[in-house]
N, C-alpha and C. Protein backbone atom coordinates (compact mmCIF):
# COMPACT_ATOMS: atom_id res chain seq x y z
N MET A 1 42.74 -25.29 -47.18
CA MET A 1 43.93 -26.10 -47.14
C MET A 1 43.49 -27.55 -47.14
N SER A 2 44.05 -28.36 -48.02
CA SER A 2 43.66 -29.76 -48.09
C SER A 2 44.26 -30.53 -46.93
N LYS A 3 43.65 -31.67 -46.62
CA LYS A 3 44.15 -32.50 -45.53
C LYS A 3 45.58 -32.95 -45.79
N SER A 4 45.88 -33.31 -47.05
CA SER A 4 47.24 -33.75 -47.36
C SER A 4 48.24 -32.62 -47.15
N ALA A 5 47.87 -31.41 -47.55
CA ALA A 5 48.76 -30.26 -47.34
C ALA A 5 48.88 -29.94 -45.86
N ALA A 6 47.78 -30.09 -45.13
CA ALA A 6 47.77 -29.77 -43.71
C ALA A 6 48.69 -30.69 -42.92
N HIS A 7 48.88 -31.93 -43.39
CA HIS A 7 49.70 -32.87 -42.65
C HIS A 7 51.08 -33.07 -43.26
N ALA A 8 51.43 -32.30 -44.27
CA ALA A 8 52.71 -32.45 -44.93
C ALA A 8 53.85 -31.85 -44.11
N TRP A 9 53.54 -31.00 -43.17
CA TRP A 9 54.57 -30.31 -42.39
C TRP A 9 54.11 -30.23 -40.95
N VAL A 10 54.97 -30.59 -40.03
CA VAL A 10 54.62 -30.55 -38.61
C VAL A 10 55.52 -29.52 -37.95
N PRO A 11 54.92 -28.48 -37.35
CA PRO A 11 55.74 -27.44 -36.74
C PRO A 11 56.35 -27.91 -35.42
N THR A 12 57.43 -27.27 -35.04
CA THR A 12 58.03 -27.51 -33.74
C THR A 12 58.06 -26.20 -32.99
N GLY A 13 58.00 -26.27 -31.68
CA GLY A 13 58.08 -25.07 -30.87
C GLY A 13 56.73 -24.40 -30.68
N ALA A 14 56.78 -23.17 -30.23
CA ALA A 14 55.59 -22.41 -29.89
C ALA A 14 54.83 -21.96 -31.12
N THR A 15 53.58 -21.64 -30.91
CA THR A 15 52.77 -21.13 -32.01
C THR A 15 53.10 -19.66 -32.26
N GLU A 16 52.86 -19.23 -33.47
CA GLU A 16 53.06 -17.84 -33.90
C GLU A 16 51.70 -17.23 -34.14
N SER A 17 51.44 -16.09 -33.55
CA SER A 17 50.16 -15.40 -33.75
C SER A 17 50.31 -14.33 -34.81
N PRO A 18 49.74 -14.56 -35.98
CA PRO A 18 49.87 -13.59 -37.07
C PRO A 18 49.12 -12.29 -36.79
N ARG A 19 49.66 -11.22 -37.35
CA ARG A 19 48.99 -9.93 -37.35
C ARG A 19 48.72 -9.59 -38.81
N VAL A 20 47.49 -9.19 -39.11
CA VAL A 20 47.07 -9.00 -40.50
C VAL A 20 46.65 -7.55 -40.74
N VAL A 21 47.21 -6.96 -41.80
CA VAL A 21 46.85 -5.62 -42.24
C VAL A 21 46.15 -5.74 -43.60
N PRO A 22 44.83 -5.53 -43.66
CA PRO A 22 44.16 -5.54 -44.97
C PRO A 22 44.51 -4.27 -45.76
N VAL A 23 44.86 -4.46 -47.02
CA VAL A 23 45.18 -3.35 -47.91
C VAL A 23 44.20 -3.42 -49.08
N TYR A 24 43.27 -2.48 -49.12
CA TYR A 24 42.24 -2.46 -50.16
C TYR A 24 42.67 -1.49 -51.25
N TRP A 25 43.07 -2.05 -52.39
CA TRP A 25 43.63 -1.24 -53.47
C TRP A 25 42.70 -1.28 -54.68
N ASP A 26 41.69 -0.48 -54.67
CA ASP A 26 40.77 -0.36 -55.80
C ASP A 26 39.89 0.86 -55.54
N ALA A 27 39.56 1.56 -56.60
CA ALA A 27 38.70 2.75 -56.47
C ALA A 27 37.36 2.39 -55.83
N HIS A 28 36.93 1.14 -55.99
CA HIS A 28 35.67 0.70 -55.41
C HIS A 28 35.63 0.96 -53.91
N PHE A 29 36.72 0.72 -53.21
CA PHE A 29 36.75 0.87 -51.76
C PHE A 29 36.72 2.34 -51.34
N ARG A 30 37.10 3.24 -52.23
CA ARG A 30 36.94 4.68 -51.95
C ARG A 30 35.49 5.08 -52.13
N ARG A 31 34.84 4.53 -53.17
CA ARG A 31 33.44 4.85 -53.44
C ARG A 31 32.48 4.14 -52.48
N GLN A 32 32.85 2.94 -52.07
CA GLN A 32 32.01 2.12 -51.19
C GLN A 32 32.82 1.69 -49.95
N PRO A 33 33.15 2.63 -49.05
CA PRO A 33 33.99 2.27 -47.91
C PRO A 33 33.35 1.22 -47.01
N GLY A 34 32.04 1.07 -47.09
CA GLY A 34 31.38 0.05 -46.30
C GLY A 34 31.84 -1.36 -46.65
N ASP A 35 32.29 -1.57 -47.88
CA ASP A 35 32.77 -2.90 -48.26
C ASP A 35 34.08 -3.25 -47.56
N ALA A 36 34.92 -2.27 -47.31
CA ALA A 36 36.14 -2.53 -46.53
C ALA A 36 35.75 -2.91 -45.10
N VAL A 37 34.75 -2.25 -44.56
CA VAL A 37 34.26 -2.58 -43.21
C VAL A 37 33.71 -4.00 -43.18
N VAL A 38 32.98 -4.39 -44.22
CA VAL A 38 32.43 -5.75 -44.31
C VAL A 38 33.57 -6.78 -44.31
N PHE A 39 34.61 -6.53 -45.09
CA PHE A 39 35.75 -7.45 -45.11
C PHE A 39 36.46 -7.48 -43.76
N ASP A 40 36.63 -6.32 -43.13
CA ASP A 40 37.27 -6.29 -41.81
C ASP A 40 36.46 -7.12 -40.81
N GLU A 41 35.14 -6.99 -40.83
CA GLU A 41 34.28 -7.77 -39.92
C GLU A 41 34.38 -9.26 -40.24
N PHE A 42 34.42 -9.61 -41.51
CA PHE A 42 34.59 -11.00 -41.91
C PHE A 42 35.90 -11.54 -41.33
N LEU A 43 36.99 -10.77 -41.45
CA LEU A 43 38.28 -11.22 -40.94
C LEU A 43 38.24 -11.40 -39.42
N ARG A 44 37.61 -10.49 -38.71
CA ARG A 44 37.48 -10.63 -37.26
C ARG A 44 36.75 -11.93 -36.91
N ALA A 45 35.66 -12.19 -37.61
CA ALA A 45 34.89 -13.42 -37.37
C ALA A 45 35.72 -14.65 -37.74
N LEU A 46 36.43 -14.59 -38.85
CA LEU A 46 37.26 -15.70 -39.30
C LEU A 46 38.32 -16.02 -38.26
N PHE A 47 38.93 -15.01 -37.68
CA PHE A 47 40.00 -15.21 -36.72
C PHE A 47 39.50 -15.78 -35.39
N ARG A 48 38.17 -15.72 -35.15
CA ARG A 48 37.57 -16.30 -33.96
C ARG A 48 36.92 -17.65 -34.24
N SER A 49 37.01 -18.12 -35.47
CA SER A 49 36.27 -19.31 -35.89
C SER A 49 37.08 -20.60 -35.78
N SER A 50 36.44 -21.70 -36.12
CA SER A 50 37.10 -23.01 -36.14
C SER A 50 38.21 -23.05 -37.19
N TRP A 51 38.17 -22.17 -38.17
CA TRP A 51 39.24 -22.08 -39.17
C TRP A 51 40.58 -21.86 -38.48
N MET A 52 40.61 -20.97 -37.48
CA MET A 52 41.86 -20.73 -36.75
C MET A 52 42.24 -21.94 -35.90
N THR A 53 41.25 -22.64 -35.37
CA THR A 53 41.52 -23.86 -34.59
C THR A 53 42.23 -24.88 -35.47
N GLU A 54 41.78 -25.02 -36.72
CA GLU A 54 42.43 -25.94 -37.65
C GLU A 54 43.88 -25.52 -37.91
N LEU A 55 44.11 -24.24 -38.03
CA LEU A 55 45.47 -23.76 -38.29
C LEU A 55 46.38 -23.92 -37.06
N ARG A 56 45.78 -23.98 -35.88
CA ARG A 56 46.57 -24.16 -34.66
C ARG A 56 47.37 -25.47 -34.74
N ASP A 57 46.78 -26.48 -35.39
CA ASP A 57 47.49 -27.76 -35.57
C ASP A 57 48.75 -27.59 -36.40
N GLN A 58 48.84 -26.52 -37.16
CA GLN A 58 50.01 -26.23 -37.98
C GLN A 58 50.99 -25.29 -37.28
N GLY A 59 50.68 -24.91 -36.03
CA GLY A 59 51.55 -24.03 -35.27
C GLY A 59 51.17 -22.57 -35.36
N VAL A 60 50.01 -22.28 -35.95
CA VAL A 60 49.56 -20.90 -36.11
C VAL A 60 48.68 -20.52 -34.93
N GLY A 61 49.07 -19.46 -34.22
CA GLY A 61 48.26 -18.96 -33.12
C GLY A 61 47.11 -18.12 -33.65
N ARG A 62 46.31 -17.61 -32.75
CA ARG A 62 45.15 -16.80 -33.14
C ARG A 62 45.60 -15.50 -33.80
N ALA A 63 45.06 -15.25 -34.98
CA ALA A 63 45.43 -14.05 -35.74
C ALA A 63 44.77 -12.81 -35.14
N ARG A 64 45.39 -11.70 -35.38
CA ARG A 64 44.87 -10.42 -34.90
C ARG A 64 44.78 -9.45 -36.07
N LEU A 65 43.64 -8.80 -36.20
CA LEU A 65 43.42 -7.84 -37.27
C LEU A 65 43.95 -6.47 -36.85
N LEU A 66 44.80 -5.91 -37.67
CA LEU A 66 45.29 -4.55 -37.46
C LEU A 66 44.48 -3.61 -38.33
N PRO A 67 44.57 -2.30 -38.12
CA PRO A 67 43.79 -1.35 -38.94
C PRO A 67 44.07 -1.52 -40.43
N SER A 68 43.00 -1.49 -41.20
CA SER A 68 43.11 -1.62 -42.65
C SER A 68 43.38 -0.26 -43.29
N VAL A 69 43.78 -0.32 -44.57
CA VAL A 69 44.06 0.90 -45.32
C VAL A 69 43.46 0.76 -46.72
N VAL A 70 42.93 1.87 -47.20
CA VAL A 70 42.45 1.93 -48.58
C VAL A 70 43.48 2.73 -49.36
N VAL A 71 44.08 2.09 -50.35
CA VAL A 71 45.10 2.74 -51.18
C VAL A 71 44.40 3.51 -52.29
N THR A 72 44.75 4.77 -52.43
CA THR A 72 44.10 5.63 -53.43
C THR A 72 44.87 5.71 -54.73
N GLU A 73 46.04 5.10 -54.78
CA GLU A 73 46.87 5.13 -55.98
C GLU A 73 46.14 4.43 -57.14
N ARG A 74 46.27 5.02 -58.30
CA ARG A 74 45.65 4.44 -59.49
C ARG A 74 46.25 3.07 -59.80
N ALA A 75 45.39 2.15 -60.18
CA ALA A 75 45.82 0.78 -60.43
C ALA A 75 46.39 0.62 -61.84
N PRO A 76 47.46 -0.15 -61.96
CA PRO A 76 48.02 -0.42 -63.30
C PRO A 76 47.18 -1.47 -64.02
N GLY A 77 47.37 -1.58 -65.33
CA GLY A 77 46.65 -2.58 -66.12
C GLY A 77 47.18 -3.98 -65.89
N SER A 78 48.48 -4.08 -65.53
CA SER A 78 49.11 -5.37 -65.29
C SER A 78 50.11 -5.19 -64.15
N LEU A 79 50.30 -6.25 -63.38
CA LEU A 79 51.17 -6.15 -62.22
C LEU A 79 51.89 -7.49 -62.03
N THR A 80 53.22 -7.46 -62.03
CA THR A 80 54.00 -8.67 -61.80
C THR A 80 54.28 -8.80 -60.30
N ALA A 81 54.77 -9.95 -59.89
CA ALA A 81 55.10 -10.17 -58.48
C ALA A 81 56.14 -9.16 -57.98
N PRO A 82 57.24 -8.93 -58.71
CA PRO A 82 58.21 -7.92 -58.23
C PRO A 82 57.60 -6.51 -58.15
N GLN A 83 56.72 -6.17 -59.09
CA GLN A 83 56.08 -4.85 -59.05
C GLN A 83 55.16 -4.72 -57.84
N LEU A 84 54.41 -5.78 -57.53
CA LEU A 84 53.52 -5.74 -56.36
C LEU A 84 54.35 -5.61 -55.09
N ARG A 85 55.41 -6.38 -54.98
CA ARG A 85 56.28 -6.30 -53.81
C ARG A 85 56.86 -4.89 -53.67
N GLN A 86 57.32 -4.32 -54.78
CA GLN A 86 57.88 -2.97 -54.75
C GLN A 86 56.83 -1.95 -54.32
N ARG A 87 55.63 -2.06 -54.86
CA ARG A 87 54.55 -1.14 -54.46
C ARG A 87 54.30 -1.22 -52.96
N LEU A 88 54.18 -2.45 -52.45
CA LEU A 88 53.94 -2.62 -51.02
C LEU A 88 55.07 -2.00 -50.20
N LEU A 89 56.31 -2.24 -50.58
CA LEU A 89 57.44 -1.65 -49.86
C LEU A 89 57.40 -0.13 -49.91
N GLU A 90 57.03 0.45 -51.05
CA GLU A 90 56.93 1.91 -51.16
C GLU A 90 55.84 2.43 -50.22
N TRP A 91 54.70 1.77 -50.17
CA TRP A 91 53.62 2.21 -49.28
C TRP A 91 54.04 2.12 -47.82
N ILE A 92 54.78 1.05 -47.48
CA ILE A 92 55.25 0.89 -46.10
C ILE A 92 56.25 1.98 -45.76
N MET A 93 57.22 2.23 -46.64
CA MET A 93 58.25 3.25 -46.38
C MET A 93 57.66 4.65 -46.30
N ALA A 94 56.59 4.90 -47.07
CA ALA A 94 55.94 6.21 -47.06
C ALA A 94 54.99 6.36 -45.86
N GLY A 95 54.77 5.29 -45.12
CA GLY A 95 53.88 5.36 -43.97
C GLY A 95 52.41 5.23 -44.34
N LEU A 96 52.11 4.95 -45.59
CA LEU A 96 50.71 4.76 -46.01
C LEU A 96 50.16 3.46 -45.45
N VAL A 97 50.97 2.41 -45.48
CA VAL A 97 50.60 1.11 -44.93
C VAL A 97 51.45 0.90 -43.68
N THR A 98 50.77 0.67 -42.56
CA THR A 98 51.46 0.45 -41.28
C THR A 98 50.86 -0.77 -40.62
N PRO A 99 51.61 -1.38 -39.72
CA PRO A 99 52.94 -0.99 -39.24
C PRO A 99 54.03 -1.47 -40.18
N LYS A 100 55.18 -0.89 -39.97
CA LYS A 100 56.38 -1.30 -40.68
C LYS A 100 56.87 -2.58 -39.98
N PRO A 101 57.25 -3.61 -40.73
CA PRO A 101 57.70 -4.84 -40.08
C PRO A 101 58.99 -4.64 -39.29
N ARG A 102 59.06 -5.29 -38.15
CA ARG A 102 60.31 -5.28 -37.38
C ARG A 102 61.32 -6.16 -38.11
N LYS A 103 62.57 -5.95 -37.84
CA LYS A 103 63.64 -6.61 -38.58
C LYS A 103 63.55 -8.14 -38.57
N THR A 104 63.19 -8.73 -37.45
CA THR A 104 63.16 -10.19 -37.34
C THR A 104 61.74 -10.75 -37.29
N GLU A 105 60.80 -10.00 -37.75
CA GLU A 105 59.40 -10.40 -37.64
C GLU A 105 58.95 -11.30 -38.78
N ARG A 106 58.17 -12.30 -38.44
CA ARG A 106 57.53 -13.17 -39.43
C ARG A 106 56.01 -13.19 -39.23
N SER A 107 55.52 -12.54 -38.21
CA SER A 107 54.10 -12.64 -37.89
C SER A 107 53.23 -11.63 -38.62
N LEU A 108 53.83 -10.68 -39.30
CA LEU A 108 53.06 -9.63 -39.96
C LEU A 108 52.73 -10.03 -41.40
N THR A 109 51.44 -9.99 -41.73
CA THR A 109 50.98 -10.33 -43.07
C THR A 109 50.13 -9.19 -43.60
N TYR A 110 50.44 -8.73 -44.79
CA TYR A 110 49.63 -7.73 -45.47
C TYR A 110 48.71 -8.48 -46.42
N LEU A 111 47.41 -8.32 -46.23
CA LEU A 111 46.41 -8.95 -47.09
C LEU A 111 46.03 -7.93 -48.16
N ILE A 112 46.52 -8.13 -49.37
CA ILE A 112 46.36 -7.13 -50.44
C ILE A 112 45.25 -7.56 -51.39
N PHE A 113 44.21 -6.75 -51.45
CA PHE A 113 43.16 -6.93 -52.45
C PHE A 113 43.59 -6.13 -53.66
N THR A 114 44.05 -6.84 -54.69
CA THR A 114 44.55 -6.15 -55.88
C THR A 114 43.39 -5.65 -56.73
N PRO A 115 43.63 -4.61 -57.51
CA PRO A 115 42.56 -3.92 -58.23
C PRO A 115 41.81 -4.78 -59.25
N LEU A 116 40.52 -4.52 -59.32
CA LEU A 116 39.66 -5.16 -60.31
C LEU A 116 40.17 -4.82 -61.70
N GLY A 117 40.32 -5.83 -62.53
CA GLY A 117 40.75 -5.61 -63.91
C GLY A 117 42.25 -5.59 -64.11
N THR A 118 43.02 -5.62 -63.04
CA THR A 118 44.47 -5.64 -63.17
C THR A 118 44.92 -7.08 -63.41
N GLU A 119 45.66 -7.29 -64.47
CA GLU A 119 46.19 -8.63 -64.76
C GLU A 119 47.35 -8.91 -63.81
N LEU A 120 47.35 -10.12 -63.29
CA LEU A 120 48.37 -10.52 -62.31
C LEU A 120 49.04 -11.82 -62.73
N PRO A 121 49.90 -11.78 -63.73
CA PRO A 121 50.54 -13.02 -64.17
C PRO A 121 51.46 -13.59 -63.09
N ARG A 122 51.16 -14.78 -62.64
CA ARG A 122 51.97 -15.51 -61.66
C ARG A 122 52.24 -14.75 -60.37
N VAL A 123 51.30 -13.93 -59.93
CA VAL A 123 51.45 -13.24 -58.65
C VAL A 123 50.77 -14.10 -57.60
N THR A 124 51.54 -14.49 -56.59
CA THR A 124 51.01 -15.32 -55.51
C THR A 124 51.43 -14.74 -54.17
N SER A 125 50.84 -15.29 -53.13
CA SER A 125 51.21 -14.87 -51.78
C SER A 125 52.65 -15.27 -51.51
N ARG A 126 53.33 -14.46 -50.71
CA ARG A 126 54.76 -14.68 -50.47
C ARG A 126 55.09 -14.47 -49.01
N CYS A 127 56.16 -15.09 -48.60
CA CYS A 127 56.75 -14.84 -47.29
C CYS A 127 58.13 -14.25 -47.53
N GLU A 128 58.29 -13.01 -47.17
CA GLU A 128 59.57 -12.32 -47.36
C GLU A 128 60.43 -12.51 -46.11
N ALA A 129 61.60 -11.94 -46.12
CA ALA A 129 62.52 -12.08 -44.99
C ALA A 129 61.93 -11.54 -43.69
N THR A 130 61.18 -10.45 -43.77
CA THR A 130 60.66 -9.85 -42.55
C THR A 130 59.15 -9.73 -42.50
N PHE A 131 58.44 -10.12 -43.55
CA PHE A 131 56.99 -10.03 -43.54
C PHE A 131 56.43 -10.92 -44.63
N GLY A 132 55.13 -11.13 -44.58
CA GLY A 132 54.47 -11.89 -45.62
C GLY A 132 53.36 -11.06 -46.23
N TYR A 133 52.94 -11.46 -47.41
CA TYR A 133 51.76 -10.84 -47.97
C TYR A 133 50.92 -11.88 -48.67
N ALA A 134 49.63 -11.70 -48.53
CA ALA A 134 48.66 -12.58 -49.17
C ALA A 134 47.95 -11.74 -50.23
N VAL A 135 47.80 -12.32 -51.42
CA VAL A 135 47.23 -11.59 -52.56
C VAL A 135 45.86 -12.16 -52.90
N VAL A 136 44.86 -11.28 -52.92
CA VAL A 136 43.51 -11.67 -53.33
C VAL A 136 43.10 -10.72 -54.46
N PRO A 137 43.06 -11.23 -55.69
CA PRO A 137 42.61 -10.38 -56.80
C PRO A 137 41.12 -10.06 -56.66
N LEU A 138 40.79 -8.81 -56.77
CA LEU A 138 39.40 -8.39 -56.73
C LEU A 138 38.76 -8.78 -58.06
N VAL A 139 37.72 -9.62 -58.01
CA VAL A 139 37.07 -10.09 -59.24
C VAL A 139 35.64 -9.62 -59.38
N SER A 140 35.10 -9.02 -58.32
CA SER A 140 33.72 -8.53 -58.36
C SER A 140 33.56 -7.43 -57.32
N THR A 141 32.70 -6.47 -57.61
CA THR A 141 32.43 -5.41 -56.64
C THR A 141 30.95 -5.24 -56.37
N GLY A 142 30.16 -6.19 -56.76
CA GLY A 142 28.72 -6.10 -56.55
C GLY A 142 28.32 -6.46 -55.13
N PRO A 143 27.02 -6.63 -54.92
CA PRO A 143 26.51 -6.95 -53.58
C PRO A 143 27.08 -8.26 -53.02
N GLU A 144 27.57 -9.11 -53.89
CA GLU A 144 28.11 -10.41 -53.47
C GLU A 144 29.62 -10.35 -53.21
N ILE A 145 30.19 -9.19 -53.02
CA ILE A 145 31.64 -9.02 -52.92
C ILE A 145 32.26 -9.93 -51.87
N LEU A 146 31.66 -10.04 -50.70
CA LEU A 146 32.22 -10.89 -49.65
C LEU A 146 32.10 -12.37 -50.03
N GLU A 147 30.95 -12.76 -50.50
CA GLU A 147 30.72 -14.16 -50.87
C GLU A 147 31.72 -14.61 -51.95
N VAL A 148 31.96 -13.77 -52.91
CA VAL A 148 32.85 -14.11 -54.02
C VAL A 148 34.30 -14.25 -53.56
N HIS A 149 34.72 -13.47 -52.58
CA HIS A 149 36.13 -13.43 -52.21
C HIS A 149 36.48 -14.16 -50.91
N SER A 150 35.51 -14.55 -50.11
CA SER A 150 35.81 -15.11 -48.78
C SER A 150 36.66 -16.37 -48.84
N ARG A 151 36.41 -17.25 -49.80
CA ARG A 151 37.19 -18.47 -49.91
C ARG A 151 38.66 -18.16 -50.27
N ALA A 152 38.87 -17.23 -51.20
CA ALA A 152 40.23 -16.85 -51.58
C ALA A 152 40.96 -16.21 -50.40
N VAL A 153 40.26 -15.37 -49.64
CA VAL A 153 40.87 -14.73 -48.47
C VAL A 153 41.34 -15.80 -47.49
N SER A 154 40.47 -16.74 -47.16
CA SER A 154 40.81 -17.81 -46.21
C SER A 154 41.99 -18.63 -46.71
N HIS A 155 41.95 -19.00 -47.97
CA HIS A 155 43.00 -19.83 -48.56
C HIS A 155 44.35 -19.10 -48.56
N GLU A 156 44.37 -17.88 -49.04
CA GLU A 156 45.64 -17.14 -49.14
C GLU A 156 46.22 -16.81 -47.78
N LEU A 157 45.36 -16.49 -46.80
CA LEU A 157 45.88 -16.22 -45.46
C LEU A 157 46.46 -17.48 -44.84
N SER A 158 45.79 -18.62 -44.98
CA SER A 158 46.32 -19.85 -44.39
C SER A 158 47.67 -20.19 -45.03
N ARG A 159 47.78 -20.04 -46.35
CA ARG A 159 49.07 -20.27 -47.02
C ARG A 159 50.15 -19.35 -46.47
N SER A 160 49.81 -18.09 -46.33
CA SER A 160 50.77 -17.10 -45.85
C SER A 160 51.22 -17.42 -44.42
N PHE A 161 50.27 -17.76 -43.54
CA PHE A 161 50.60 -18.05 -42.14
C PHE A 161 51.52 -19.28 -42.04
N VAL A 162 51.15 -20.34 -42.72
CA VAL A 162 51.93 -21.58 -42.66
C VAL A 162 53.29 -21.39 -43.33
N ASN A 163 53.34 -20.70 -44.45
CA ASN A 163 54.62 -20.46 -45.13
C ASN A 163 55.58 -19.66 -44.25
N ALA A 164 55.05 -18.72 -43.50
CA ALA A 164 55.90 -17.93 -42.59
C ALA A 164 56.52 -18.84 -41.54
N LEU A 165 55.74 -19.75 -41.00
CA LEU A 165 56.26 -20.67 -40.00
C LEU A 165 57.31 -21.62 -40.60
N ARG A 166 57.05 -22.09 -41.81
CA ARG A 166 58.00 -22.98 -42.47
C ARG A 166 59.32 -22.26 -42.72
N SER A 167 59.23 -21.02 -43.17
CA SER A 167 60.45 -20.25 -43.45
C SER A 167 61.26 -20.06 -42.17
N ARG A 168 60.56 -19.75 -41.11
CA ARG A 168 61.26 -19.53 -39.83
C ARG A 168 61.90 -20.82 -39.34
N SER A 169 61.22 -21.96 -39.50
CA SER A 169 61.79 -23.22 -39.02
C SER A 169 63.02 -23.62 -39.84
N ARG A 170 63.05 -23.27 -41.13
CA ARG A 170 64.22 -23.58 -41.96
C ARG A 170 65.43 -22.75 -41.56
N GLU A 171 65.16 -21.55 -41.03
CA GLU A 171 66.27 -20.69 -40.61
C GLU A 171 66.89 -21.17 -39.32
N GLY A 172 66.12 -21.98 -38.58
CA GLY A 172 66.64 -22.58 -37.35
C GLY A 172 66.49 -21.67 -36.23
């Protein structure tokens, strides 16, 4: 998050502590489940780092990692924002991705690693009425998987956390 973006909005009231559910949607994570563990450990470390301290200035409390899920559904060749949202809602309703967001909740964020090779025209992280999701396109599955994606993970989560707070403050 740039300094100008970080100071463009000043939160009011108490901080919100996000809860994050990583959703690993690629056959790679079925073949190499250790990579999901590596990402989960990265997220735990990130949530204890100075990165979270910086977000505290924006009204974001310390994030908490919830259990991750590996989606076994075959990936499409292309995925639009409405299709991704619909997929996520289907997984939540089927109980594949948990927890289900509470009616008035803004603290729950699903971190979705979209499949390698899937085209994502104009798909970005969103804050919905009851939950948010952060989208990280999988671009590599080699030994450098964490290094390649860590910056995108940090960026998309910070956007999601701050956007959730902004949405809530607009609702009053």
